[in-house]
C-alpha cells in the first residue's frame, strides 16, 4: 500500500517561486512605467524652462561654475561689479498662523520702509506669495526668523554687488531686481554679460579705479570747500581715447540706486552742456594757425579798449590796455584779441573746425544718455566772435576733453571709449590739426601754466599745460554774474602728452583762501594740480625738475614791466 509522501522543503520553495514570478514581473513593469513617466516629466519641465528663459537661467542654476552674470572689472582687473547670492524675505499670506496685526507691527520694527498698515494689508491678502525685502542682510533674516512665523520664507537669490560702492557709479549704472541692466555699462553690455558662453570671463573697462578714486576725492573736497552745486572730472588717454576716469558729483551708490535723487543720477560730464568760456581760446587759436589766419604768433592785435560790435561790447577780465600777441593773448586770456582773430577766421572755417571736433553732435562713446550741444542757429558776426572764447555755444565736459586730446596728441581726433583697448584696437582717428600746429599749441598751453591764469594748476615736475575757463551761467533772460561754471582743461606731460585732465565746478563760491575769488584759476586749477600729483606716479609718468618743453622763445614774446626785466 502506497502512502502519500510529504514534499521536501526545497521542492515547495521552487513551486512557490514559480507561482509568484508573474506577480513580480507585473510589479517590475509598473515600477518601470512610473520611472519612465518621471523621466518624461523632468524632460518636459527642462524644455519648458529652456523655452521660458532661453536656457540661460537653467544653465546658471545647474552649473555652479558659470555665474548668472559676468563680472565687470577695471583696466587692471579690479572688480567693479559682481553677482553674488543674497537673501530675500518673503511671506505666504495664506499660511499665516500668527495674529496678522501683531506680526505686521513686528515686521515694521525690523523693516520700517513699510508702515504697519501696509504689512497688515499684505499679510491679510489672498495672495499665496509676497516679497517683503529683496537683498536682505543675514542679520535681518535672522531677526525675522526669530519671530517664529512658519509662513515666512527665506530665499537665496542672485544679487549684483558693487564692491567699490559709489566709485564710477555713473559709468557702471545698475541692474534691477530681476538682474537686468537698467543704465550705464550694465545696460550697454547686457548681451555680453548674460551670454552663457562668455559669462566666466569678466568685461574690462578702460576705467582705472585708482585714478577714478583720486579724481572723485579731490573733486568732492573742492566741491565742499567752495559750496559748489555740482562737479565733473575726466582723465583721458590722449593717444587712444580711453577714459581712465569719468566722475560726476553728486553721485550715488549703485547698490541702492533707487534711494538716490534724480540730481545724483544725472551725469554732468556726459549729459550736462555748458558754455565753457576761455577753455575755447586755444581751440580758436589752433584753428587760426591751421587755416593760415595767424601766420606769425608774434603779430600784435589791438586790446587797448573794449571792442564795440554793433550794440555789443566785448571786454577783458584782465585788461592789459595795449596791443597783444598770441602768447600774451592766451597768458592774459584776452577776449578782445580772441574775438578779433575769430572774426578773421570767419563763420565757415570756425564751424568746420568745431564740426571736425564734433561739437555739433552728442559725444561719441558707449553710454547712450548723452547731452546734445547747443549749436547756434545763425552765425552772426557777434556769434563768431563770442564762440571764439566759449560763449554762445555749449558742449559737455567730454567734448572739451576730447578736443584737448586732439590739440596735443599731434592733431588727431579719436572717439572716446569706456572699453579697455589693446594696441591693435586703437582707432586711426581723423586729422583735425597738423603736427606743426599741435606742437605750437603744446608750447602755448605750457606757457599759460608757467606764466598765466593757469599757475595754480602747475603740479611740480609733471609739466602741466592747460587753460582756465570761467563762464557765467545763462538764466532769466540773460547771464547770472554770481552763478559761474569754472573749468580747467589740461594735459601732461607737455613734452610728451599722454593724458588730458578736465575739471569743472558748477557755481563755486570763493572763500578766504581765494580772497573771495571764484574764478577757474582759484577753484578748478588747484584741483587739477592735486589730481595730477596723485595720478602721475600711478600712470608711470616720472616727475622731473629738468625735463620740460622748451618755452623760452614764447616767454621772450611776453611784455614785462621794467622791474621784472633781467
Protein backbone atom coordinates (compact mmCIF):
# COMPACT_ATOMS: atom_id res chain seq x y z
CA UNK A 1 0.00 0.00 0.00
CA UNK A 2 1.42 3.27 -1.08
CA UNK A 3 1.27 6.15 1.41
CA UNK A 4 1.43 9.81 0.38
CA UNK A 5 4.86 11.25 0.92
CA UNK A 6 5.33 14.91 2.05
CA UNK A 7 7.21 17.21 -0.42
CA UNK A 8 10.66 18.25 0.70
CA UNK A 9 11.05 21.94 1.70
CA UNK A 10 13.25 22.71 -1.37
CA UNK A 11 10.56 21.44 -3.70
CA UNK A 12 7.90 23.57 -2.01
CA UNK A 13 10.11 26.71 -2.39
CA UNK A 14 10.62 26.13 -6.10
CA UNK A 15 6.91 25.70 -6.59
CA UNK A 16 6.20 28.93 -4.67
CA UNK A 17 8.71 30.91 -6.78
CA UNK A 18 7.05 29.68 -9.93
CA UNK A 19 3.68 30.79 -8.63
CA UNK A 20 4.98 34.26 -7.63
CA UNK A 21 7.00 35.01 -10.81
CA UNK A 22 4.08 36.53 -12.82
CA UNK A 23 3.22 38.82 -9.89
CA UNK A 24 6.85 40.06 -9.58
CA UNK A 25 7.07 40.73 -13.31
CA UNK A 26 3.87 42.78 -13.18
CA UNK A 27 5.21 44.86 -10.29
CA UNK A 28 8.50 45.46 -12.11
CA UNK A 29 6.60 46.63 -15.16
CA UNK A 30 4.62 49.08 -13.02
CA UNK A 31 7.84 50.46 -11.45
CA UNK A 32 9.50 50.82 -14.86
CA UNK A 33 6.49 52.66 -16.23
CA UNK A 34 6.48 55.02 -13.25
CA UNK A 35 10.19 55.75 -13.77
CA UNK A 36 9.58 56.35 -17.46
CA UNK A 37 6.78 58.80 -16.68
CA UNK A 38 9.05 60.58 -14.16
CA UNK A 39 11.85 60.96 -16.70
CA UNK A 40 9.38 62.30 -19.26
CA UNK A 41 8.02 64.82 -16.74
CA UNK A 42 11.53 66.07 -15.90
CA UNK A 43 12.37 66.34 -19.61
CA UNK A 44 9.21 68.33 -20.30
CA UNK A 45 9.98 70.60 -17.33
CA UNK A 46 13.54 71.25 -18.61
CA UNK A 47 12.18 72.02 -22.06
CA UNK A 48 9.67 74.45 -20.61
CA UNK A 49 12.36 76.23 -18.58
CA UNK A 50 14.58 76.44 -21.65
CA UNK A 51 11.81 77.99 -23.71
CA UNK A 52 10.89 80.45 -20.96
CA UNK A 53 14.47 81.61 -20.24
CA UNK A 54 16.36 80.87 -23.43
CA UNK A 55 18.27 78.21 -21.50
CA UNK A 56 20.29 80.80 -19.59
CA UNK A 57 18.56 80.65 -16.21
CA UNK A 58 18.68 76.87 -16.16
CA UNK A 59 22.31 76.78 -17.24
CA UNK A 60 23.15 79.20 -14.45
CA UNK A 61 21.26 77.17 -11.87
CA UNK A 62 22.72 73.80 -12.83
CA UNK A 63 26.36 74.74 -13.41
CA UNK A 64 27.89 76.45 -10.38
CA UNK A 65 30.98 77.35 -12.41
CA UNK A 66 29.01 79.71 -14.67
CA UNK A 67 27.95 82.92 -12.88
CA UNK A 68 24.46 84.25 -13.68
CA UNK A 69 26.07 87.49 -14.95
CA UNK A 70 29.66 88.25 -15.87
CA UNK A 71 31.81 90.48 -13.68
CA UNK A 72 32.82 93.99 -14.71
CA UNK A 73 36.41 94.93 -13.85
CA UNK A 74 38.62 97.98 -14.34
CA UNK A 75 41.58 98.03 -16.72
CA UNK A 76 43.78 96.40 -14.04
CA UNK A 77 41.33 93.62 -13.13
CA UNK A 78 39.87 95.24 -10.01
CA UNK A 79 36.26 94.10 -9.58
CA UNK A 80 33.69 96.85 -10.09
CA UNK A 81 30.54 94.69 -10.35
CA UNK A 82 29.93 91.06 -9.38
CA UNK A 83 26.89 88.83 -8.85
CA UNK A 84 26.63 87.03 -5.50
CA UNK A 85 24.00 85.01 -3.67
CA UNK A 86 21.88 87.18 -1.36
CA UNK A 87 18.92 86.70 0.96
CA UNK A 88 15.34 87.71 0.22
CA UNK A 89 12.48 87.67 2.72
CA UNK A 90 9.02 86.62 1.57
CA UNK A 91 5.73 85.51 3.10
CA UNK A 92 2.88 83.15 2.22
CA UNK A 93 -0.16 85.10 3.48
CA UNK A 94 -2.47 82.09 3.08
CA UNK A 95 -0.39 80.07 5.58
CA UNK A 96 -0.02 82.60 8.42
CA UNK A 97 -0.80 81.27 11.90
CA UNK A 98 0.20 84.38 13.92
CA UNK A 99 -2.02 87.36 14.60
CA UNK A 100 -1.56 89.48 11.42
CA UNK A 101 -1.61 92.83 13.21
CA UNK A 102 0.91 91.78 15.81
CA UNK A 103 3.17 90.25 13.12
CA UNK A 104 2.80 93.39 10.99
CA UNK A 105 3.93 95.59 13.91
CA UNK A 106 6.99 93.40 14.44
CA UNK A 107 7.85 93.46 10.74
CA UNK A 108 7.55 97.26 10.71
CA UNK A 109 10.02 97.49 13.58
CA UNK A 110 12.53 95.39 11.64
CA UNK A 111 11.83 96.77 8.15
CA UNK A 112 10.48 100.33 8.59
CA UNK A 113 10.34 101.13 4.87
CA UNK A 114 6.69 100.00 5.03
CA UNK A 115 4.11 101.04 7.59
CA UNK A 116 2.48 98.55 9.93
CA UNK A 117 -0.77 99.09 7.98
CA UNK A 118 0.96 98.13 4.73
CA UNK A 119 2.29 94.94 6.29
CA UNK A 120 -1.18 94.13 7.64
CA UNK A 121 -2.63 94.55 4.17
CA UNK A 122 -0.05 92.16 2.73
CA UNK A 123 -0.48 89.57 5.48
CA UNK A 124 -4.28 89.53 5.19
CA UNK A 125 -4.39 89.44 1.39
CA UNK A 126 -5.50 86.38 -0.55
CA UNK A 127 -2.15 86.09 -2.30
CA UNK A 128 -0.08 82.97 -1.89
CA UNK A 129 3.31 84.73 -2.03
CA UNK A 130 4.69 88.24 -1.49
CA UNK A 131 8.21 89.64 -1.21
CA UNK A 132 8.84 91.73 1.89
CA UNK A 133 12.51 92.59 1.30
CA UNK A 134 14.86 91.82 -1.54
CA UNK A 135 18.61 91.93 -0.85
CA UNK A 136 18.32 91.47 2.89
CA UNK A 137 21.32 91.29 5.21
CA UNK A 138 21.83 87.98 7.05
CA UNK A 139 21.32 89.77 10.38
CA UNK A 140 17.85 90.91 9.28
CA UNK A 141 16.95 87.42 8.07
CA UNK A 142 17.88 86.05 11.49
CA UNK A 143 15.77 88.69 13.26
CA UNK A 144 12.69 87.99 11.11
CA UNK A 145 13.17 84.26 11.52
CA UNK A 146 13.24 84.74 15.30
CA UNK A 147 9.61 85.94 15.12
CA UNK A 148 8.71 82.26 14.72
CA UNK A 149 6.16 82.58 11.92
CA UNK A 150 6.33 79.44 9.71
CA UNK A 151 4.71 81.23 6.76
CA UNK A 152 7.85 83.33 6.27
CA UNK A 153 10.22 82.15 3.54
CA UNK A 154 13.91 82.99 3.16
CA UNK A 155 15.26 82.70 -0.36
CA UNK A 156 18.77 82.75 -1.80
CA UNK A 157 18.76 84.85 -4.98
CA UNK A 158 21.45 86.36 -7.21
CA UNK A 159 22.34 89.95 -6.31
CA UNK A 160 24.54 92.41 -8.20
CA UNK A 161 27.16 93.80 -5.85
CA UNK A 162 29.24 96.92 -6.47
CA UNK A 163 32.13 96.46 -4.02
CA UNK A 164 33.59 99.93 -4.69
CA UNK A 165 30.18 101.48 -3.75
CA UNK A 166 29.88 104.86 -5.50
CA UNK A 167 33.16 104.68 -7.42
CA UNK A 168 32.42 105.18 -11.15
CA UNK A 169 28.70 104.86 -10.41
CA UNK A 170 27.63 106.85 -13.48
CA UNK A 171 29.80 104.64 -15.67
CA UNK A 172 28.59 101.32 -14.25
CA UNK A 173 24.89 102.13 -13.83
CA UNK A 174 22.93 99.38 -12.08
CA UNK A 175 20.67 96.36 -12.56
CA UNK A 176 17.06 95.90 -11.47
CA UNK A 177 15.79 93.23 -9.07
CA UNK A 178 15.43 90.81 -11.98
CA UNK A 179 19.14 91.16 -12.77
CA UNK A 180 18.72 93.21 -15.96
CA UNK A 181 20.88 96.23 -16.72
CA UNK A 182 18.94 99.48 -16.32
CA UNK A 183 21.51 102.12 -17.22
CA UNK A 184 25.25 102.68 -17.66
CA UNK A 185 27.56 99.95 -18.91
CA UNK A 186 25.36 97.37 -17.18
CA UNK A 187 22.71 98.14 -19.81
CA UNK A 188 25.13 98.68 -22.71
CA UNK A 189 26.85 95.31 -22.11
CA UNK A 190 23.67 93.38 -21.26
CA UNK A 191 24.02 90.76 -24.02
CA UNK A 192 27.72 90.23 -23.36
CA UNK A 193 27.27 89.97 -19.59
CA UNK A 194 24.43 87.43 -19.95
CA UNK A 195 25.96 85.31 -22.71
CA UNK A 196 26.45 81.78 -21.23
CA UNK A 197 29.48 81.22 -23.45
CA UNK A 198 31.24 84.34 -22.10
CA UNK A 199 29.95 84.77 -18.55
CA UNK A 200 33.02 83.19 -16.97
CA UNK A 201 35.22 85.95 -18.43
CA UNK A 202 34.95 89.43 -16.88
CA UNK A 203 34.48 92.52 -19.04
CA UNK A 204 37.33 95.02 -18.69
CA UNK A 205 36.54 98.73 -18.84
CA UNK A 206 39.04 101.47 -19.62
CA UNK A 207 38.49 102.97 -16.15
CA UNK A 208 41.43 102.83 -13.74
CA UNK A 209 39.88 102.58 -10.27
CA UNK A 210 42.93 104.26 -8.65
CA UNK A 211 42.70 107.26 -10.99
CA UNK A 212 38.92 107.36 -10.63
CA UNK A 213 39.22 107.42 -6.85
CA UNK A 214 41.79 110.24 -6.90
CA UNK A 215 39.62 112.41 -9.16
CA UNK A 216 36.50 111.69 -7.13
CA UNK A 217 38.12 112.51 -3.78
CA UNK A 218 39.72 115.76 -4.99
CA UNK A 219 36.53 116.89 -6.71
CA UNK A 220 34.44 116.16 -3.63
CA UNK A 221 36.90 118.10 -1.45
CA UNK A 222 36.76 121.13 -3.76
CA UNK A 223 33.00 120.91 -4.07
CA UNK A 224 32.61 121.06 -0.29
CA UNK A 225 35.17 123.81 0.14
CA UNK A 226 33.63 126.09 -2.48
CA UNK A 227 29.99 125.11 -1.82
CA UNK A 228 29.55 124.13 -5.48
CA UNK A 229 26.27 122.52 -6.51
CA UNK A 230 27.96 120.05 -8.83
CA UNK A 231 31.25 118.95 -10.37
CA UNK A 232 32.70 116.82 -13.14
CA UNK A 233 36.14 115.33 -13.68
CA UNK A 234 37.69 113.46 -16.59
CA UNK A 235 41.03 111.76 -17.21
CA UNK A 236 41.56 110.68 -20.81
CA UNK A 237 44.36 108.84 -22.59
CA UNK A 238 45.22 111.45 -25.22
CA UNK A 239 46.52 108.90 -27.70
CA UNK A 240 43.87 106.15 -27.55
CA UNK A 241 40.59 107.81 -26.49
CA UNK A 242 40.29 105.56 -23.43
CA UNK A 243 38.62 107.16 -20.41
CA UNK A 244 40.58 106.39 -17.26
CA UNK A 245 38.25 108.39 -15.03
CA UNK A 246 34.76 109.80 -15.52
CA UNK A 247 33.29 111.45 -12.45
CA UNK A 248 30.11 113.42 -11.81
CA UNK A 249 29.14 114.83 -8.41
CA UNK A 250 26.87 114.48 -6.60
CA UNK A 251 26.76 110.77 -7.30
CA UNK A 252 25.03 107.68 -5.91
CA UNK A 253 25.59 104.16 -4.62
CA UNK A 254 24.50 101.67 -7.31
CA UNK A 255 23.90 99.10 -4.55
CA UNK A 256 20.92 101.28 -3.57
CA UNK A 257 20.27 103.31 -6.72
CA UNK A 258 16.54 103.61 -6.00
CA UNK A 259 17.35 105.60 -2.86
CA UNK A 260 19.25 108.31 -4.75
CA UNK A 261 17.89 111.58 -6.11
CA UNK A 262 17.45 112.46 -9.76
CA UNK A 263 20.20 115.05 -9.42
CA UNK A 264 22.62 112.44 -8.08
CA UNK A 265 21.90 110.15 -11.02
CA UNK A 266 22.41 112.99 -13.53
CA UNK A 267 25.80 112.62 -15.23
CA UNK A 268 27.16 116.14 -15.61
CA UNK A 269 30.17 115.01 -17.63
CA UNK A 270 28.07 113.43 -20.39
CA UNK A 271 24.59 114.95 -20.13
CA UNK A 272 25.29 118.49 -18.92
CA UNK A 273 26.18 121.04 -21.60
CA UNK A 274 27.81 124.30 -20.61
CA UNK A 275 29.36 127.42 -22.08
CA UNK A 276 32.92 126.57 -21.07
CA UNK A 277 34.37 130.02 -21.53
CA UNK A 278 38.05 130.67 -22.15
CA UNK A 279 38.93 126.97 -22.47
CA UNK A 280 37.83 127.52 -26.10
CA UNK A 281 40.55 130.12 -26.76
CA UNK A 282 43.33 127.59 -27.50
CA UNK A 283 40.97 125.79 -29.91
CA UNK A 284 40.27 129.07 -31.72
CA UNK A 285 44.00 129.85 -31.88
CA UNK A 286 44.78 126.39 -33.23
CA UNK A 287 42.10 126.80 -35.92
CA UNK A 288 43.51 130.23 -36.87
CA UNK A 289 47.07 128.85 -37.10
CA UNK A 290 45.88 125.82 -39.07
CA UNK A 291 43.88 127.93 -41.54
CA UNK A 292 46.68 130.47 -42.08
CA UNK A 293 44.80 133.31 -40.39
CA UNK A 294 47.64 133.54 -37.88
CA UNK A 295 50.95 133.05 -39.69
CA UNK A 296 53.11 134.72 -37.06
CA UNK A 297 52.24 134.36 -33.38
CA UNK A 298 54.30 137.47 -32.59
CA UNK A 299 51.83 139.65 -34.53
CA UNK A 300 50.11 142.11 -32.20
CA UNK A 301 46.37 142.86 -32.01
CA UNK A 302 44.67 145.91 -30.53
CA UNK A 303 43.39 145.36 -26.99
CA UNK A 304 43.68 148.95 -25.80
CA UNK A 305 39.93 149.45 -25.45
CA UNK A 306 36.83 147.24 -25.24
CA UNK A 307 35.69 146.01 -28.63
CA UNK A 308 32.42 147.54 -29.85
CA UNK A 309 30.41 145.36 -32.26
CA UNK A 310 27.02 146.86 -33.02
CA UNK A 311 25.21 147.19 -29.72
CA UNK A 312 27.53 144.69 -28.02
CA UNK A 313 30.74 145.39 -26.12
CA UNK A 314 33.46 142.77 -25.58
CA UNK A 315 35.65 143.35 -22.53
CA UNK A 316 38.67 141.67 -20.98
CA UNK A 317 38.53 140.36 -17.42
CA UNK A 318 42.23 141.14 -17.01
CA UNK A 319 42.61 144.20 -19.28
CA UNK A 320 46.17 144.98 -20.41
CA UNK A 321 45.12 148.08 -22.42
CA UNK A 322 47.76 147.56 -25.09
CA UNK A 323 48.47 145.53 -28.19
CA UNK A 324 48.89 141.80 -27.53
CA UNK A 325 50.50 138.98 -29.50
CA UNK A 326 49.18 135.39 -29.45
CA UNK A 327 51.19 134.15 -26.42
CA UNK A 328 50.16 137.25 -24.45
CA UNK A 329 46.54 136.80 -25.55
CA UNK A 330 46.45 133.30 -24.06
CA UNK A 331 48.51 134.12 -20.97
CA UNK A 332 46.23 137.07 -20.09
CA UNK A 333 43.10 135.35 -21.51
CA UNK A 334 42.07 138.28 -23.71
CA UNK A 335 38.50 138.12 -25.02
CA UNK A 336 39.13 141.16 -27.22
CA UNK A 337 42.03 139.70 -29.22
CA UNK A 338 40.44 136.24 -29.43
CA UNK A 339 37.29 137.87 -30.83
CA UNK A 340 39.36 139.74 -33.43
CA UNK A 341 41.09 136.54 -34.53
CA UNK A 342 37.78 134.63 -34.63
CA UNK A 343 36.36 137.45 -36.77
CA UNK A 344 39.21 136.99 -39.26
CA UNK A 345 38.71 133.23 -39.20
CA UNK A 346 35.07 133.64 -40.19
CA UNK A 347 31.96 131.53 -39.75
CA UNK A 348 32.71 128.89 -42.37
CA UNK A 349 36.19 127.98 -41.18
CA UNK A 350 35.30 128.19 -37.49
CA UNK A 351 32.27 125.94 -37.96
CA UNK A 352 34.38 123.48 -39.95
CA UNK A 353 36.88 123.07 -37.10
CA UNK A 354 34.13 122.82 -34.49
CA UNK A 355 32.39 120.18 -36.59
CA UNK A 356 35.65 118.27 -37.00
CA UNK A 357 35.79 118.18 -33.19
CA UNK A 358 32.13 117.01 -33.16
CA UNK A 359 30.87 119.99 -31.16
CA UNK A 360 27.62 119.77 -33.15
CA UNK A 361 26.76 116.19 -32.09
CA UNK A 362 26.46 114.20 -28.85
CA UNK A 363 29.84 112.87 -27.80
CA UNK A 364 30.86 109.57 -29.40
CA UNK A 365 31.14 106.74 -26.87
CA UNK A 366 29.23 103.82 -25.36
CA UNK A 367 26.85 105.41 -22.86
CA UNK A 368 23.53 106.06 -24.63
CA UNK A 369 22.37 109.01 -22.49
CA UNK A 370 24.38 111.95 -23.84
CA UNK A 371 23.65 115.65 -23.93
CA UNK A 372 23.28 117.36 -27.30
CA UNK A 373 25.39 120.54 -27.60
CA UNK A 374 23.77 123.93 -28.08
CA UNK A 375 24.80 124.89 -31.60
CA UNK A 376 23.94 128.42 -32.80
CA UNK A 377 21.13 128.50 -35.38
CA UNK A 378 22.58 131.58 -37.02
CA UNK A 379 26.26 132.54 -37.03
CA UNK A 380 26.17 136.33 -36.95
CA UNK A 381 29.42 138.25 -36.65
CA UNK A 382 28.96 138.56 -32.89
CA UNK A 383 28.28 134.81 -32.68
CA UNK A 384 31.59 134.05 -34.37
CA UNK A 385 33.46 136.40 -32.05
CA UNK A 386 31.92 135.18 -28.80
CA UNK A 387 32.09 131.50 -29.76
CA UNK A 388 35.83 132.02 -30.16
CA UNK A 389 36.11 132.46 -26.40
CA UNK A 390 33.45 129.94 -25.41
CA UNK A 391 30.20 131.91 -25.23
CA UNK A 392 27.11 131.26 -27.33
CA UNK A 393 28.00 127.59 -27.86
CA UNK A 394 27.58 124.93 -25.17
CA UNK A 395 29.15 121.46 -25.04
CA UNK A 396 29.72 118.77 -22.43
CA UNK A 397 32.98 118.45 -20.48
CA UNK A 398 33.62 115.27 -22.51
CA UNK A 399 33.58 117.26 -25.75
CA UNK A 400 36.17 119.60 -24.26
CA UNK A 401 38.41 116.76 -23.07
CA UNK A 402 38.45 115.14 -26.49
CA UNK A 403 39.18 118.43 -28.25
CA UNK A 404 42.21 119.00 -25.99
CA UNK A 405 43.43 115.49 -26.80
CA UNK A 406 43.42 116.48 -30.48
CA UNK A 407 45.21 119.75 -29.63
CA UNK A 408 48.17 117.99 -28.01
CA UNK A 409 48.41 114.46 -29.48
CA UNK A 410 49.58 115.55 -32.94
CA UNK A 411 46.18 116.76 -34.15
CA UNK A 412 44.17 113.51 -34.28
CA UNK A 413 40.54 113.25 -33.16
CA UNK A 414 39.60 109.79 -31.89
CA UNK A 415 36.25 108.67 -30.49
CA UNK A 416 36.13 108.17 -26.74
CA UNK A 417 35.63 104.74 -25.23
CA UNK A 418 34.89 103.15 -21.86
CA UNK A 419 36.29 99.79 -23.00
CA UNK A 420 39.90 98.80 -22.44
CA UNK A 421 41.66 98.65 -25.80
CA UNK A 422 44.58 96.54 -26.90
CA UNK A 423 47.21 98.34 -29.01
CA UNK A 424 45.79 96.98 -32.27
CA UNK A 425 42.28 98.17 -31.35
CA UNK A 426 43.14 101.88 -31.14
CA UNK A 427 41.28 103.64 -33.98
CA UNK A 428 43.29 105.53 -36.57
CA UNK A 429 41.21 108.66 -35.99
CA UNK A 430 40.67 111.78 -38.09
CA UNK A 431 43.18 114.56 -38.56
CA UNK A 432 41.94 117.95 -37.35
CA UNK A 433 45.22 119.83 -36.86
CA UNK A 434 48.63 119.35 -38.40
CA UNK A 435 51.50 118.09 -36.25
CA UNK A 436 53.11 121.53 -36.55
CA UNK A 437 50.01 123.24 -35.17
CA UNK A 438 49.79 120.70 -32.35
CA UNK A 439 53.46 121.32 -31.49
CA UNK A 440 52.82 125.05 -31.22
CA UNK A 441 49.76 124.53 -29.04
CA UNK A 442 51.69 122.33 -26.62
CA UNK A 443 54.13 125.15 -26.03
CA UNK A 444 51.39 127.76 -25.67
CA UNK A 445 49.40 125.62 -23.21
CA UNK A 446 52.50 125.05 -21.12
CA UNK A 447 53.21 128.80 -21.18
CA UNK A 448 49.73 129.54 -19.78
CA UNK A 449 50.52 127.39 -16.71
CA UNK A 450 54.01 128.82 -16.33
CA UNK A 451 53.10 132.49 -16.75
CA UNK A 452 49.34 132.98 -16.91
CA UNK A 453 45.97 132.21 -15.38
CA UNK A 454 46.84 128.52 -15.02
CA UNK A 455 49.67 128.90 -12.49
CA UNK A 456 47.69 127.15 -9.75
CA UNK A 457 47.49 124.00 -11.89
CA UNK A 458 51.25 123.53 -12.10
CA UNK A 459 51.96 120.15 -10.48
CA UNK A 460 55.66 120.25 -9.74
CA UNK A 461 57.68 118.08 -12.09
CA UNK A 462 54.76 116.94 -14.25
CA UNK A 463 54.93 119.64 -16.97
CA UNK A 464 51.25 120.51 -16.99
CA UNK A 465 49.78 122.68 -19.74
CA UNK A 466 46.20 123.94 -19.93
CA UNK A 467 43.69 126.74 -19.89
CA UNK A 468 41.22 128.20 -17.43
CA UNK A 469 37.61 128.91 -18.31
CA UNK A 470 35.19 130.99 -16.23
CA UNK A 471 31.70 131.50 -17.67
CA UNK A 472 28.51 132.96 -16.31
CA UNK A 473 25.51 130.65 -16.44
CA UNK A 474 22.57 131.63 -18.61
CA UNK A 475 19.18 132.10 -16.98
CA UNK A 476 16.30 134.52 -16.54
CA UNK A 477 16.73 136.02 -20.00
CA UNK A 478 20.42 136.78 -19.55
CA UNK A 479 23.57 135.77 -17.70
CA UNK A 480 23.85 135.45 -13.92
CA UNK A 481 27.02 137.16 -12.75
CA UNK A 482 27.10 135.26 -9.45
CA UNK A 483 26.48 131.80 -10.97
CA UNK A 484 29.70 130.63 -12.58
CA UNK A 485 30.90 127.46 -14.27
CA UNK A 486 34.65 127.19 -13.71
CA UNK A 487 36.74 124.80 -15.77
CA UNK A 488 40.36 123.86 -16.22
CA UNK A 489 41.35 121.75 -19.24
CA UNK A 490 44.88 120.36 -19.04
CA UNK A 491 47.31 117.84 -20.49
CA UNK A 492 50.53 116.34 -19.12
CA UNK A 493 53.44 115.90 -19.51
CA UNK A 494 53.61 118.55 -22.24
CA UNK A 495 56.97 117.39 -23.60
CA UNK A 496 55.25 114.09 -24.48
CA UNK A 497 51.49 114.47 -23.83
CA UNK A 498 49.91 111.28 -22.52
CA UNK A 499 46.83 112.32 -20.55
CA UNK A 500 44.16 115.01 -20.62
CA UNK A 501 42.54 116.14 -17.36
CA UNK A 502 39.37 118.26 -17.26
CA UNK A 503 37.85 119.57 -14.03
CA UNK A 504 34.61 121.55 -13.85
CA UNK A 505 32.86 123.10 -10.84
CA UNK A 506 29.26 124.28 -11.03
CA UNK A 507 28.60 127.53 -9.12
CA UNK A 508 31.61 127.54 -6.76
CA UNK A 509 31.88 130.26 -4.12
CA UNK A 510 35.20 131.86 -3.25
CA UNK A 511 36.46 131.72 0.33
CA UNK A 512 39.09 133.39 2.48
CA UNK A 513 41.80 131.28 0.90
CA UNK A 514 40.99 132.68 -2.54
CA UNK A 515 40.34 136.21 -1.33
CA UNK A 516 36.71 135.69 -2.29
CA UNK A 517 37.61 134.92 -5.91
CA UNK A 518 35.62 132.11 -7.53
CA UNK A 519 37.19 132.07 -10.98
CA UNK A 520 38.67 128.91 -12.51
CA UNK A 521 42.24 129.87 -11.68
CA UNK A 522 41.36 129.77 -7.98
CA UNK A 523 38.81 126.94 -7.88
CA UNK A 524 39.33 124.43 -10.73
CA UNK A 525 43.06 124.81 -11.44
CA UNK A 526 44.21 123.70 -7.95
CA UNK A 527 42.11 120.55 -8.29
CA UNK A 528 44.00 119.68 -11.48
CA UNK A 529 47.32 120.20 -9.69
CA UNK A 530 46.35 117.82 -6.89
CA UNK A 531 44.88 115.23 -9.26
CA UNK A 532 47.97 115.20 -11.49
CA UNK A 533 50.28 114.91 -8.47
CA UNK A 534 48.32 111.86 -7.30
CA UNK A 535 47.76 110.04 -10.59
CA UNK A 536 51.09 110.80 -12.29
CA UNK A 537 53.03 108.12 -10.38
CA UNK A 538 50.17 105.61 -10.83
CA UNK A 539 50.30 106.10 -14.60
CA UNK A 540 54.06 105.81 -14.86
CA UNK A 541 54.76 109.50 -15.50
CA UNK A 542 58.06 110.28 -13.80
CA UNK A 543 58.32 113.80 -12.37
CA UNK A 544 61.38 115.73 -13.46
CA UNK A 545 62.85 119.08 -12.46
CA UNK A 546 64.95 119.31 -15.62
CA UNK A 547 62.87 117.74 -18.36
CA UNK A 548 60.31 120.11 -19.90
CA UNK A 549 59.05 121.50 -23.17
CA UNK A 550 61.13 124.50 -24.28
CA UNK A 551 59.05 127.69 -23.99
CA UNK A 552 61.92 130.18 -23.85
CA UNK A 553 61.09 131.59 -27.30
CA UNK A 554 57.49 132.12 -26.17
CA UNK A 555 58.47 133.70 -22.88
CA UNK A 556 60.65 136.14 -24.81
CA UNK A 557 57.48 137.42 -26.53
CA UNK A 558 55.84 138.41 -23.24
CA UNK A 559 56.00 142.06 -22.23
CA UNK A 560 57.22 142.56 -18.71
CA UNK A 561 57.38 145.74 -16.63
CA UNK A 562 60.87 147.19 -16.25
CA UNK A 563 61.08 145.98 -12.65
CA UNK A 564 60.80 142.34 -13.84
CA UNK A 565 63.21 142.52 -16.75
CA UNK A 566 66.59 140.93 -16.32
